[in-house]
Amino acid sequence: KERAAAHRHTSDLALSPDRPDRPVRTFSGGNQQKAVLAR
């Protein structure tokens, strides 16, 4: 349920790549900011 809810919002924000299972440190600065907004 946690993964599904998080994925719904990261998809809405077009997180790239669409891999919310990956550590956030491996994403670019823009996509890290999207993760904060998705929260």
Full PDB file with SEQRES, HELIX, SHEET, SSBOND, CRYST1, ORIGX, SCALE, CONECT and MASTER records, all heavy atoms in Angstrom:
SEQRES   1 A   39  LYS GLU ARG ALA ALA ALA HIS ARG HIS THR SER ASP LEU          
SEQRES   2 A   39  ALA LEU SER PRO ASP ARG PRO ASP ARG PRO VAL ARG THR          
SEQRES   3 A   39  PHE SER GLY GLY ASN GLN GLN LYS ALA VAL LEU ALA ARG          
HELIX    1 AA1 GLU A    2  ASP A   12  1                                  11    
HELIX    2 AA2 VAL A   24  THR A   26  5                                   3    
HELIX    3 AA3 GLY A   29  ALA A   38  1                                  10    
CRYST1    1.000    1.000    1.000  90.00  90.00  90.00 P 1           1          
ORIGX1      1.000000  0.000000  0.000000        0.00000                         
ORIGX2      0.000000  1.000000  0.000000        0.00000                         
ORIGX3      0.000000  0.000000  1.000000        0.00000                         
SCALE1      1.000000  0.000000  0.000000        0.00000                         
SCALE2      0.000000  1.000000  0.000000        0.00000                         
SCALE3      0.000000  0.000000  1.000000        0.00000                         
ATOM      1  N   LYS A   1       0.836  -1.202   0.000  1.00  0.00           N  
ATOM      2  CA  LYS A   1       0.000   0.000   0.000  1.00  0.00           C  
ATOM      3  C   LYS A   1       0.870   1.250   0.000  1.00  0.00           C  
ATOM      4  O   LYS A   1       0.573   2.235  -0.692  1.00  0.00           O  
ATOM      5  CB  LYS A   1      -0.907  -0.018   1.227  1.00  0.00           C  
ATOM      6  CG  LYS A   1      -1.960   1.078   1.242  1.00  0.00           C  
ATOM      7  CD  LYS A   1      -2.865   0.914   2.454  1.00  0.00           C  
ATOM      8  CE  LYS A   1      -3.911   2.028   2.509  1.00  0.00           C  
ATOM      9  NZ  LYS A   1      -4.771   1.890   3.726  1.00  0.00           N  
ATOM     10  N   GLU A   2       1.963   1.224   0.763  1.00  0.00           N  
ATOM     11  CA  GLU A   2       2.896   2.355   0.804  1.00  0.00           C  
ATOM     12  C   GLU A   2       3.492   2.606  -0.576  1.00  0.00           C  
ATOM     13  O   GLU A   2       3.533   3.748  -1.053  1.00  0.00           O  
ATOM     14  CB  GLU A   2       4.005   2.059   1.819  1.00  0.00           C  
ATOM     15  CG  GLU A   2       5.086   3.134   1.898  1.00  0.00           C  
ATOM     16  CD  GLU A   2       6.327   2.651   2.632  1.00  0.00           C  
ATOM     17  OE1 GLU A   2       6.529   1.422   2.750  1.00  0.00           O  
ATOM     18  OE2 GLU A   2       7.115   3.508   3.058  1.00  0.00           O  
ATOM     19  N   ARG A   3       3.954   1.520  -1.239  1.00  0.00           N  
ATOM     20  CA  ARG A   3       4.556   1.668  -2.567  1.00  0.00           C  
ATOM     21  C   ARG A   3       3.551   2.201  -3.577  1.00  0.00           C  
ATOM     22  O   ARG A   3       3.878   3.066  -4.398  1.00  0.00           O  
ATOM     23  CB  ARG A   3       5.115   0.326  -3.043  1.00  0.00           C  
ATOM     24  CG  ARG A   3       6.438  -0.059  -2.409  1.00  0.00           C  
ATOM     25  CD  ARG A   3       7.084  -1.194  -3.158  1.00  0.00           C  
ATOM     26  NE  ARG A   3       6.259  -2.395  -3.123  1.00  0.00           N  
ATOM     27  CZ  ARG A   3       6.331  -3.341  -2.191  1.00  0.00           C  
ATOM     28  NH1 ARG A   3       7.201  -3.210  -1.210  1.00  0.00           N  
ATOM     29  NH2 ARG A   3       5.553  -4.403  -2.230  1.00  0.00           N  
ATOM     30  N   ALA A   4       2.336   1.693  -3.529  1.00  0.00           N  
ATOM     31  CA  ALA A   4       1.322   2.120  -4.496  1.00  0.00           C  
ATOM     32  C   ALA A   4       1.000   3.596  -4.337  1.00  0.00           C  
ATOM     33  O   ALA A   4       0.876   4.332  -5.329  1.00  0.00           O  
ATOM     34  CB  ALA A   4       0.062   1.269  -4.330  1.00  0.00           C  
ATOM     35  N   ALA A   5       0.870   4.058  -3.088  1.00  0.00           N  
ATOM     36  CA  ALA A   5       0.543   5.466  -2.846  1.00  0.00           C  
ATOM     37  C   ALA A   5       1.688   6.375  -3.288  1.00  0.00           C  
ATOM     38  O   ALA A   5       1.471   7.408  -3.933  1.00  0.00           O  
ATOM     39  CB  ALA A   5       0.230   5.687  -1.371  1.00  0.00           C  
ATOM     40  N   ALA A   6       2.915   5.979  -2.950  1.00  0.00           N  
ATOM     41  CA  ALA A   6       4.066   6.790  -3.342  1.00  0.00           C  
ATOM     42  C   ALA A   6       4.205   6.838  -4.860  1.00  0.00           C  
ATOM     43  O   ALA A   6       4.460   7.894  -5.447  1.00  0.00           O  
ATOM     44  CB  ALA A   6       5.345   6.238  -2.709  1.00  0.00           C  
ATOM     45  N   HIS A   7       4.009   5.685  -5.511  1.00  0.00           N  
ATOM     46  CA  HIS A   7       4.166   5.627  -6.963  1.00  0.00           C  
ATOM     47  C   HIS A   7       3.123   6.480  -7.668  1.00  0.00           C  
ATOM     48  O   HIS A   7       3.402   7.097  -8.709  1.00  0.00           O  
ATOM     49  CB  HIS A   7       4.082   4.177  -7.446  1.00  0.00           C  
ATOM     50  CG  HIS A   7       4.385   4.024  -8.897  1.00  0.00           C  
ATOM     51  ND1 HIS A   7       3.406   3.854  -9.846  1.00  0.00           N  
ATOM     52  CD2 HIS A   7       5.560   4.034  -9.564  1.00  0.00           C  
ATOM     53  CE1 HIS A   7       3.959   3.763 -11.031  1.00  0.00           C  
ATOM     54  NE2 HIS A   7       5.265   3.872 -10.898  1.00  0.00           N  
ATOM     55  N   ARG A   8       1.931   6.552  -7.114  1.00  0.00           N  
ATOM     56  CA  ARG A   8       0.880   7.364  -7.726  1.00  0.00           C  
ATOM     57  C   ARG A   8       1.310   8.829  -7.801  1.00  0.00           C  
ATOM     58  O   ARG A   8       1.133   9.489  -8.833  1.00  0.00           O  
ATOM     59  CB  ARG A   8      -0.416   7.230  -6.924  1.00  0.00           C  
ATOM     60  CG  ARG A   8      -1.591   8.005  -7.525  1.00  0.00           C  
ATOM     61  CD  ARG A   8      -2.889   7.649  -6.841  1.00  0.00           C  
ATOM     62  NE  ARG A   8      -2.943   8.090  -5.449  1.00  0.00           N  
ATOM     63  CZ  ARG A   8      -2.843   7.284  -4.408  1.00  0.00           C  
ATOM     64  NH1 ARG A   8      -2.677   5.979  -4.570  1.00  0.00           N  
ATOM     65  NH2 ARG A   8      -2.921   7.765  -3.171  1.00  0.00           N  
ATOM     66  N   HIS A   9       1.918   9.312  -6.731  1.00  0.00           N  
ATOM     67  CA  HIS A   9       2.290  10.726  -6.701  1.00  0.00           C  
ATOM     68  C   HIS A   9       3.589  10.995  -7.464  1.00  0.00           C  
ATOM     69  O   HIS A   9       3.718  12.050  -8.110  1.00  0.00           O  
ATOM     70  CB  HIS A   9       2.405  11.211  -5.260  1.00  0.00           C  
ATOM     71  CG  HIS A   9       1.083  11.286  -4.564  1.00  0.00           C  
ATOM     72  ND1 HIS A   9       0.124  12.205  -4.894  1.00  0.00           N  
ATOM     73  CD2 HIS A   9       0.544  10.537  -3.565  1.00  0.00           C  
ATOM     74  CE1 HIS A   9      -0.949  12.038  -4.132  1.00  0.00           C  
ATOM     75  NE2 HIS A   9      -0.711  11.029  -3.318  1.00  0.00           N  
ATOM     76  N   THR A  10       4.548  10.084  -7.412  1.00  0.00           N  
ATOM     77  CA  THR A  10       5.766  10.299  -8.201  1.00  0.00           C  
ATOM     78  C   THR A  10       5.449  10.218  -9.697  1.00  0.00           C  
ATOM     79  O   THR A  10       6.064  10.932 -10.504  1.00  0.00           O  
ATOM     80  CB  THR A  10       6.863   9.283  -7.842  1.00  0.00           C  
ATOM     81  OG1 THR A  10       6.352   7.946  -7.998  1.00  0.00           O  
ATOM     82  CG2 THR A  10       7.335   9.498  -6.412  1.00  0.00           C  
ATOM     83  N   SER A  11       4.493   9.391 -10.077  1.00  0.00           N  
ATOM     84  CA  SER A  11       4.084   9.332 -11.484  1.00  0.00           C  
ATOM     85  C   SER A  11       3.414  10.634 -11.904  1.00  0.00           C  
ATOM     86  O   SER A  11       3.655  11.148 -13.008  1.00  0.00           O  
ATOM     87  CB  SER A  11       3.133   8.159 -11.727  1.00  0.00           C  
ATOM     88  OG  SER A  11       3.791   6.926 -11.499  1.00  0.00           O  
ATOM     89  N   ASP A  12       2.577  11.177 -11.022  1.00  0.00           N  
ATOM     90  CA  ASP A  12       1.915  12.449 -11.327  1.00  0.00           C  
ATOM     91  C   ASP A  12       2.930  13.572 -11.564  1.00  0.00           C  
ATOM     92  O   ASP A  12       2.688  14.478 -12.365  1.00  0.00           O  
ATOM     93  CB  ASP A  12       0.972  12.853 -10.190  1.00  0.00           C  
ATOM     94  CG  ASP A  12      -0.282  11.985 -10.136  1.00  0.00           C  
ATOM     95  OD1 ASP A  12      -0.551  11.285 -11.128  1.00  0.00           O  
ATOM     96  OD2 ASP A  12      -0.970  12.006  -9.105  1.00  0.00           O  
ATOM     97  N   LEU A  13       4.078  13.484 -10.862  1.00  0.00           N  
ATOM     98  CA  LEU A  13       5.101  14.519 -10.987  1.00  0.00           C  
ATOM     99  C   LEU A  13       6.162  14.160 -12.031  1.00  0.00           C  
ATOM    100  O   LEU A  13       7.144  14.878 -12.189  1.00  0.00           O  
ATOM    101  CB  LEU A  13       5.786  14.754  -9.636  1.00  0.00           C  
ATOM    102  CG  LEU A  13       4.889  15.253  -8.506  1.00  0.00           C  
ATOM    103  CD1 LEU A  13       5.699  15.465  -7.233  1.00  0.00           C  
ATOM    104  CD2 LEU A  13       4.179  16.533  -8.894  1.00  0.00           C  
ATOM    105  N   ALA A  14       5.948  13.058 -12.751  1.00  0.00           N  
ATOM    106  CA  ALA A  14       6.855  12.624 -13.827  1.00  0.00           C  
ATOM    107  C   ALA A  14       8.277  12.426 -13.308  1.00  0.00           C  
ATOM    108  O   ALA A  14       9.259  12.864 -13.918  1.00  0.00           O  
ATOM    109  CB  ALA A  14       6.842  13.622 -14.978  1.00  0.00           C  
ATOM    110  N   LEU A  15       8.411  11.723 -12.161  1.00  0.00           N  
ATOM    111  CA  LEU A  15       9.736  11.371 -11.655  1.00  0.00           C  
ATOM    112  C   LEU A  15      10.451  10.520 -12.701  1.00  0.00           C  
ATOM    113  O   LEU A  15       9.870   9.602 -13.266  1.00  0.00           O  
ATOM    114  CB  LEU A  15       9.603  10.583 -10.349  1.00  0.00           C  
ATOM    115  CG  LEU A  15      10.905  10.235  -9.643  1.00  0.00           C  
ATOM    116  CD1 LEU A  15      11.350  11.407  -8.781  1.00  0.00           C  
ATOM    117  CD2 LEU A  15      10.746   8.996  -8.788  1.00  0.00           C  
ATOM    118  N   SER A  16      11.718  10.838 -12.943  1.00  0.00           N  
ATOM    119  CA  SER A  16      12.470  10.124 -13.975  1.00  0.00           C  
ATOM    120  C   SER A  16      13.848   9.732 -13.439  1.00  0.00           C  
ATOM    121  O   SER A  16      14.590  10.579 -12.939  1.00  0.00           O  
ATOM    122  CB  SER A  16      12.620  11.001 -15.213  1.00  0.00           C  
ATOM    123  OG  SER A  16      13.358  10.341 -16.202  1.00  0.00           O  
ATOM    124  N   PRO A  17      14.191   8.436 -13.544  1.00  0.00           N  
ATOM    125  CA  PRO A  17      13.360   7.343 -14.066  1.00  0.00           C  
ATOM    126  C   PRO A  17      12.265   6.962 -13.070  1.00  0.00           C  
ATOM    127  O   PRO A  17      12.376   7.240 -11.874  1.00  0.00           O  
ATOM    128  CB  PRO A  17      14.368   6.207 -14.238  1.00  0.00           C  
ATOM    129  CG  PRO A  17      15.440   6.490 -13.240  1.00  0.00           C  
ATOM    130  CD  PRO A  17      15.551   7.972 -13.152  1.00  0.00           C  
ATOM    131  N   ASP A  18      11.223   6.332 -13.584  1.00  0.00           N  
ATOM    132  CA  ASP A  18      10.064   5.978 -12.759  1.00  0.00           C  
ATOM    133  C   ASP A  18      10.378   4.729 -11.953  1.00  0.00           C  
ATOM    134  O   ASP A  18       9.811   3.663 -12.179  1.00  0.00           O  
ATOM    135  CB  ASP A  18       8.850   5.771 -13.664  1.00  0.00           C  
ATOM    136  CG  ASP A  18       7.560   5.634 -12.857  1.00  0.00           C  
ATOM    137  OD1 ASP A  18       7.597   5.940 -11.645  1.00  0.00           O  
ATOM    138  OD2 ASP A  18       6.541   5.225 -13.437  1.00  0.00           O  
ATOM    139  N   ARG A  19      11.302   4.890 -10.989  1.00  0.00           N  
ATOM    140  CA  ARG A  19      11.760   3.768 -10.171  1.00  0.00           C  
ATOM    141  C   ARG A  19      11.787   4.188  -8.706  1.00  0.00           C  
ATOM    142  O   ARG A  19      12.840   4.424  -8.125  1.00  0.00           O  
ATOM    143  CB  ARG A  19      13.151   3.341 -10.615  1.00  0.00           C  
ATOM    144  CG  ARG A  19      13.238   2.703 -11.997  1.00  0.00           C  
ATOM    145  CD  ARG A  19      12.801   1.251 -11.941  1.00  0.00           C  
ATOM    146  NE  ARG A  19      13.577   0.528 -10.943  1.00  0.00           N  
ATOM    147  CZ  ARG A  19      14.817   0.044 -11.162  1.00  0.00           C  
ATOM    148  NH1 ARG A  19      15.393   0.243 -12.331  1.00  0.00           N  
ATOM    149  NH2 ARG A  19      15.446  -0.625 -10.217  1.00  0.00           N  
ATOM    150  N   PRO A  20      10.629   4.307  -8.060  1.00  0.00           N  
ATOM    151  CA  PRO A  20      10.609   4.776  -6.671  1.00  0.00           C  
ATOM    152  C   PRO A  20      11.249   3.812  -5.684  1.00  0.00           C  
ATOM    153  O   PRO A  20      11.419   4.157  -4.511  1.00  0.00           O  
ATOM    154  CB  PRO A  20       9.113   4.961  -6.384  1.00  0.00           C  
ATOM    155  CG  PRO A  20       8.406   4.133  -7.392  1.00  0.00           C  
ATOM    156  CD  PRO A  20       9.275   4.113  -8.606  1.00  0.00           C  
ATOM    157  N   ASP A  21      11.620   2.609  -6.137  1.00  0.00           N  
ATOM    158  CA  ASP A  21      12.316   1.672  -5.258  1.00  0.00           C  
ATOM    159  C   ASP A  21      13.800   1.995  -5.130  1.00  0.00           C  
ATOM    160  O   ASP A  21      14.472   1.506  -4.223  1.00  0.00           O  
ATOM    161  CB  ASP A  21      12.155   0.238  -5.784  1.00  0.00           C  
ATOM    162  CG  ASP A  21      12.634   0.100  -7.224  1.00  0.00           C  
ATOM    163  OD1 ASP A  21      12.203   0.910  -8.058  1.00  0.00           O  
ATOM    164  OD2 ASP A  21      13.428  -0.812  -7.516  1.00  0.00           O  
ATOM    165  N   ARG A  22      14.324   2.830  -6.024  1.00  0.00           N  
ATOM    166  CA  ARG A  22      15.746   3.169  -5.996  1.00  0.00           C  
ATOM    167  C   ARG A  22      16.052   4.179  -4.896  1.00  0.00           C  
ATOM    168  O   ARG A  22      15.209   5.006  -4.545  1.00  0.00           O  
ATOM    169  CB  ARG A  22      16.181   3.758  -7.347  1.00  0.00           C  
ATOM    170  CG  ARG A  22      16.437   2.719  -8.414  1.00  0.00           C  
ATOM    171  CD  ARG A  22      16.802   3.364  -9.730  1.00  0.00           C  
ATOM    172  NE  ARG A  22      17.751   4.468  -9.607  1.00  0.00           N  
ATOM    173  CZ  ARG A  22      18.233   5.138 -10.639  1.00  0.00           C  
ATOM    174  NH1 ARG A  22      17.849   4.832 -11.864  1.00  0.00           N  
ATOM    175  NH2 ARG A  22      19.085   6.120 -10.457  1.00  0.00           N  
ATOM    176  N   PRO A  23      17.279   4.142  -4.331  1.00  0.00           N  
ATOM    177  CA  PRO A  23      17.659   5.147  -3.326  1.00  0.00           C  
ATOM    178  C   PRO A  23      17.557   6.556  -3.902  1.00  0.00           C  
ATOM    179  O   PRO A  23      17.950   6.796  -5.044  1.00  0.00           O  
ATOM    180  CB  PRO A  23      19.113   4.790  -2.995  1.00  0.00           C  
ATOM    181  CG  PRO A  23      19.259   3.359  -3.371  1.00  0.00           C  
ATOM    182  CD  PRO A  23      18.346   3.141  -4.545  1.00  0.00           C  
ATOM    183  N   VAL A  24      17.058   7.479  -3.113  1.00  0.00           N  
ATOM    184  CA  VAL A  24      16.839   8.839  -3.609  1.00  0.00           C  
ATOM    185  C   VAL A  24      18.153   9.524  -3.957  1.00  0.00           C  
ATOM    186  O   VAL A  24      18.190  10.422  -4.807  1.00  0.00           O  
ATOM    187  CB  VAL A  24      16.038   9.653  -2.565  1.00  0.00           C  
ATOM    188  CG1 VAL A  24      16.908  10.056  -1.394  1.00  0.00           C  
ATOM    189  CG2 VAL A  24      15.382  10.870  -3.201  1.00  0.00           C  
ATOM    190  N   ARG A  25      19.272   9.076  -3.369  1.00  0.00           N  
ATOM    191  CA  ARG A  25      20.573   9.696  -3.663  1.00  0.00           C  
ATOM    192  C   ARG A  25      21.002   9.463  -5.107  1.00  0.00           C  
ATOM    193  O   ARG A  25      21.872  10.171  -5.624  1.00  0.00           O  
ATOM    194  CB  ARG A  25      21.642   9.157  -2.717  1.00  0.00           C  
ATOM    195  CG  ARG A  25      21.923   7.672  -2.866  1.00  0.00           C  
ATOM    196  CD  ARG A  25      23.014   7.186  -1.921  1.00  0.00           C  
ATOM    197  NE  ARG A  25      23.167   5.743  -1.982  1.00  0.00           N  
ATOM    198  CZ  ARG A  25      23.857   5.118  -2.919  1.00  0.00           C  
ATOM    199  NH1 ARG A  25      24.478   5.806  -3.855  1.00  0.00           N  
ATOM    200  NH2 ARG A  25      23.953   3.802  -2.913  1.00  0.00           N  
ATOM    201  N   THR A  26      20.418   8.455  -5.782  1.00  0.00           N  
ATOM    202  CA  THR A  26      20.811   8.158  -7.158  1.00  0.00           C  
ATOM    203  C   THR A  26      20.070   9.015  -8.178  1.00  0.00           C  
ATOM    204  O   THR A  26      20.312   8.883  -9.379  1.00  0.00           O  
ATOM    205  CB  THR A  26      20.560   6.671  -7.485  1.00  0.00           C  
ATOM    206  OG1 THR A  26      19.150   6.390  -7.433  1.00  0.00           O  
ATOM    207  CG2 THR A  26      21.283   5.767  -6.497  1.00  0.00           C  
ATOM    208  N   PHE A  27      19.166   9.889  -7.726  1.00  0.00           N  
ATOM    209  CA  PHE A  27      18.389  10.728  -8.629  1.00  0.00           C  
ATOM    210  C   PHE A  27      19.014  12.117  -8.734  1.00  0.00           C  
ATOM    211  O   PHE A  27      19.748  12.557  -7.843  1.00  0.00           O  
ATOM    212  CB  PHE A  27      16.937  10.848  -8.145  1.00  0.00           C  
ATOM    213  CG  PHE A  27      16.122   9.598  -8.370  1.00  0.00           C  
ATOM    214  CD1 PHE A  27      16.235   8.516  -7.519  1.00  0.00           C  
ATOM    215  CD2 PHE A  27      15.247   9.504  -9.437  1.00  0.00           C  
ATOM    216  CE1 PHE A  27      15.495   7.360  -7.721  1.00  0.00           C  
ATOM    217  CE2 PHE A  27      14.497   8.359  -9.654  1.00  0.00           C  
ATOM    218  CZ  PHE A  27      14.627   7.283  -8.794  1.00  0.00           C  
ATOM    219  N   SER A  28      18.690  12.814  -9.817  1.00  0.00           N  
ATOM    220  CA  SER A  28      19.173  14.177 -10.015  1.00  0.00           C  
ATOM    221  C   SER A  28      18.509  15.128  -9.013  1.00  0.00           C  
ATOM    222  O   SER A  28      17.516  14.786  -8.361  1.00  0.00           O  
ATOM    223  CB  SER A  28      18.860  14.642 -11.441  1.00  0.00           C  
ATOM    224  OG  SER A  28      17.464  14.789 -11.621  1.00  0.00           O  
ATOM    225  N   GLY A  29      19.060  16.350  -8.946  1.00  0.00           N  
ATOM    226  CA  GLY A  29      18.508  17.331  -8.012  1.00  0.00           C  
ATOM    227  C   GLY A  29      17.054  17.645  -8.279  1.00  0.00           C  
ATOM    228  O   GLY A  29      16.249  17.778  -7.347  1.00  0.00           O  
ATOM    229  N   GLY A  30      16.675  17.759  -9.557  1.00  0.00           N  
ATOM    230  CA  GLY A  30      15.284  18.051  -9.888  1.00  0.00           C  
ATOM    231  C   GLY A  30      14.347  16.943  -9.457  1.00  0.00           C  
ATOM    232  O   GLY A  30      13.245  17.200  -8.951  1.00  0.00           O  
ATOM    233  N   ASN A  31      14.770  15.704  -9.634  1.00  0.00           N  
ATOM    234  CA  ASN A  31      13.917  14.582  -9.247  1.00  0.00           C  
ATOM    235  C   ASN A  31      13.889  14.376  -7.736  1.00  0.00           C  
ATOM    236  O   ASN A  31      12.888  13.921  -7.186  1.00  0.00           O  
ATOM    237  CB  ASN A  31      14.368  13.317  -9.967  1.00  0.00           C  
ATOM    238  CG  ASN A  31      13.948  13.301 -11.425  1.00  0.00           C  
ATOM    239  OD1 ASN A  31      12.779  13.212 -11.732  1.00  0.00           O  
ATOM    240  ND2 ASN A  31      14.908  13.426 -12.324  1.00  0.00           N  
ATOM    241  N   GLN A  32      14.972  14.726  -7.055  1.00  0.00           N  
ATOM    242  CA  GLN A  32      14.933  14.712  -5.592  1.00  0.00           C  
ATOM    243  C   GLN A  32      13.924  15.736  -5.083  1.00  0.00           C  
ATOM    244  O   GLN A  32      13.181  15.460  -4.126  1.00  0.00           O  
ATOM    245  CB  GLN A  32      16.326  15.003  -5.027  1.00  0.00           C  
ATOM    246  CG  GLN A  32      17.324  13.880  -5.228  1.00  0.00           C  
ATOM    247  CD  GLN A  32      18.704  14.252  -4.756  1.00  0.00           C  
ATOM    248  OE1 GLN A  32      18.968  15.394  -4.358  1.00  0.00           O  
ATOM    249  NE2 GLN A  32      19.629  13.302  -4.800  1.00  0.00           N  
ATOM    250  N   GLN A  33      13.877  16.902  -5.728  1.00  0.00           N  
ATOM    251  CA  GLN A  33      12.900  17.911  -5.325  1.00  0.00           C  
ATOM    252  C   GLN A  33      11.480  17.409  -5.575  1.00  0.00           C  
ATOM    253  O   GLN A  33      10.572  17.667  -4.771  1.00  0.00           O  
ATOM    254  CB  GLN A  33      13.150  19.206  -6.087  1.00  0.00           C  
ATOM    255  CG  GLN A  33      12.358  20.401  -5.594  1.00  0.00           C  
ATOM    256  CD  GLN A  33      12.806  20.877  -4.229  1.00  0.00           C  
ATOM    257  OE1 GLN A  33      12.504  20.253  -3.218  1.00  0.00           O  
ATOM    258  NE2 GLN A  33      13.523  21.982  -4.187  1.00  0.00           N  
ATOM    259  N   LYS A  34      11.276  16.679  -6.656  1.00  0.00           N  
ATOM    260  CA  LYS A  34       9.957  16.108  -6.922  1.00  0.00           C  
ATOM    261  C   LYS A  34       9.561  15.124  -5.825  1.00  0.00           C  
ATOM    262  O   LYS A  34       8.382  15.027  -5.459  1.00  0.00           O  
ATOM    263  CB  LYS A  34       9.944  15.410  -8.286  1.00  0.00           C  
ATOM    264  CG  LYS A  34       9.985  16.357  -9.475  1.00  0.00           C  
ATOM    265  CD  LYS A  34       9.974  15.578 -10.782  1.00  0.00           C  
ATOM    266  CE  LYS A  34      10.066  16.499 -11.979  1.00  0.00           C  
ATOM    267  NZ  LYS A  34      10.065  15.743 -13.259  1.00  0.00           N  
ATOM    268  N   ALA A  35      10.529  14.375  -5.297  1.00  0.00           N  
ATOM    269  CA  ALA A  35      10.228  13.437  -4.216  1.00  0.00           C  
ATOM    270  C   ALA A  35       9.755  14.186  -2.973  1.00  0.00           C  
ATOM    271  O   ALA A  35       8.833  13.735  -2.274  1.00  0.00           O  
ATOM    272  CB  ALA A  35      11.467  12.595  -3.890  1.00  0.00           C  
ATOM    273  N   VAL A  36      10.379  15.344  -2.688  1.00  0.00           N  
ATOM    274  CA  VAL A  36       9.942  16.149  -1.540  1.00  0.00           C  
ATOM    275  C   VAL A  36       8.521  16.655  -1.768  1.00  0.00           C  
ATOM    276  O   VAL A  36       7.668  16.601  -0.860  1.00  0.00           O  
ATOM    277  CB  VAL A  36      10.911  17.325  -1.306  1.00  0.00           C  
ATOM    278  CG1 VAL A  36      10.407  18.197  -0.159  1.00  0.00           C  
ATOM    279  CG2 VAL A  36      12.317  16.813  -0.999  1.00  0.00           C  
ATOM    280  N   LEU A  37       8.225  17.128  -2.969  1.00  0.00           N  
ATOM    281  CA  LEU A  37       6.877  17.614  -3.272  1.00  0.00           C  
ATOM    282  C   LEU A  37       5.869  16.480  -3.198  1.00  0.00           C  
ATOM    283  O   LEU A  37       4.742  16.669  -2.700  1.00  0.00           O  
ATOM    284  CB  LEU A  37       6.847  18.263  -4.658  1.00  0.00           C  
ATOM    285  CG  LEU A  37       7.720  19.515  -4.846  1.00  0.00           C  
ATOM    286  CD1 LEU A  37       7.592  20.039  -6.262  1.00  0.00           C  
ATOM    287  CD2 LEU A  37       7.347  20.593  -3.845  1.00  0.00           C  
ATOM    288  N   ALA A  38       6.251  15.309  -3.687  1.00  0.00           N  
ATOM    289  CA  ALA A  38       5.340  14.160  -3.630  1.00  0.00           C  
ATOM    290  C   ALA A  38       4.989  13.801  -2.191  1.00  0.00           C  
ATOM    291  O   ALA A  38       3.868  13.358  -1.899  1.00  0.00           O  
ATOM    292  CB  ALA A  38       5.968  12.961  -4.339  1.00  0.00           C  
ATOM    293  N   ARG A  39       5.935  13.990  -1.271  1.00  0.00           N  
ATOM    294  CA  ARG A  39       5.657  13.722   0.150  1.00  0.00           C  
ATOM    295  C   ARG A  39       4.474  14.551   0.639  1.00  0.00           C  
ATOM    296  O   ARG A  39       3.585  14.053   1.330  1.00  0.00           O  
ATOM    297  CB  ARG A  39       6.900  14.042   0.987  1.00  0.00           C  
ATOM    298  CG  ARG A  39       6.673  13.934   2.492  1.00  0.00           C  
ATOM    299  CD  ARG A  39       7.889  14.437   3.248  1.00  0.00           C  
ATOM    300  NE  ARG A  39       9.077  13.694   2.848  1.00  0.00           N  
ATOM    301  CZ  ARG A  39      10.323  14.062   3.156  1.00  0.00           C  
ATOM    302  NH1 ARG A  39      10.533  15.169   3.847  1.00  0.00           N  
ATOM    303  NH2 ARG A  39      11.348  13.350   2.773  1.00  0.00           N  
TER     304      ARG A  39                                                      
MASTER        0    0    0    3    0    0    0    6  303    1    0    3          
END                                                                             
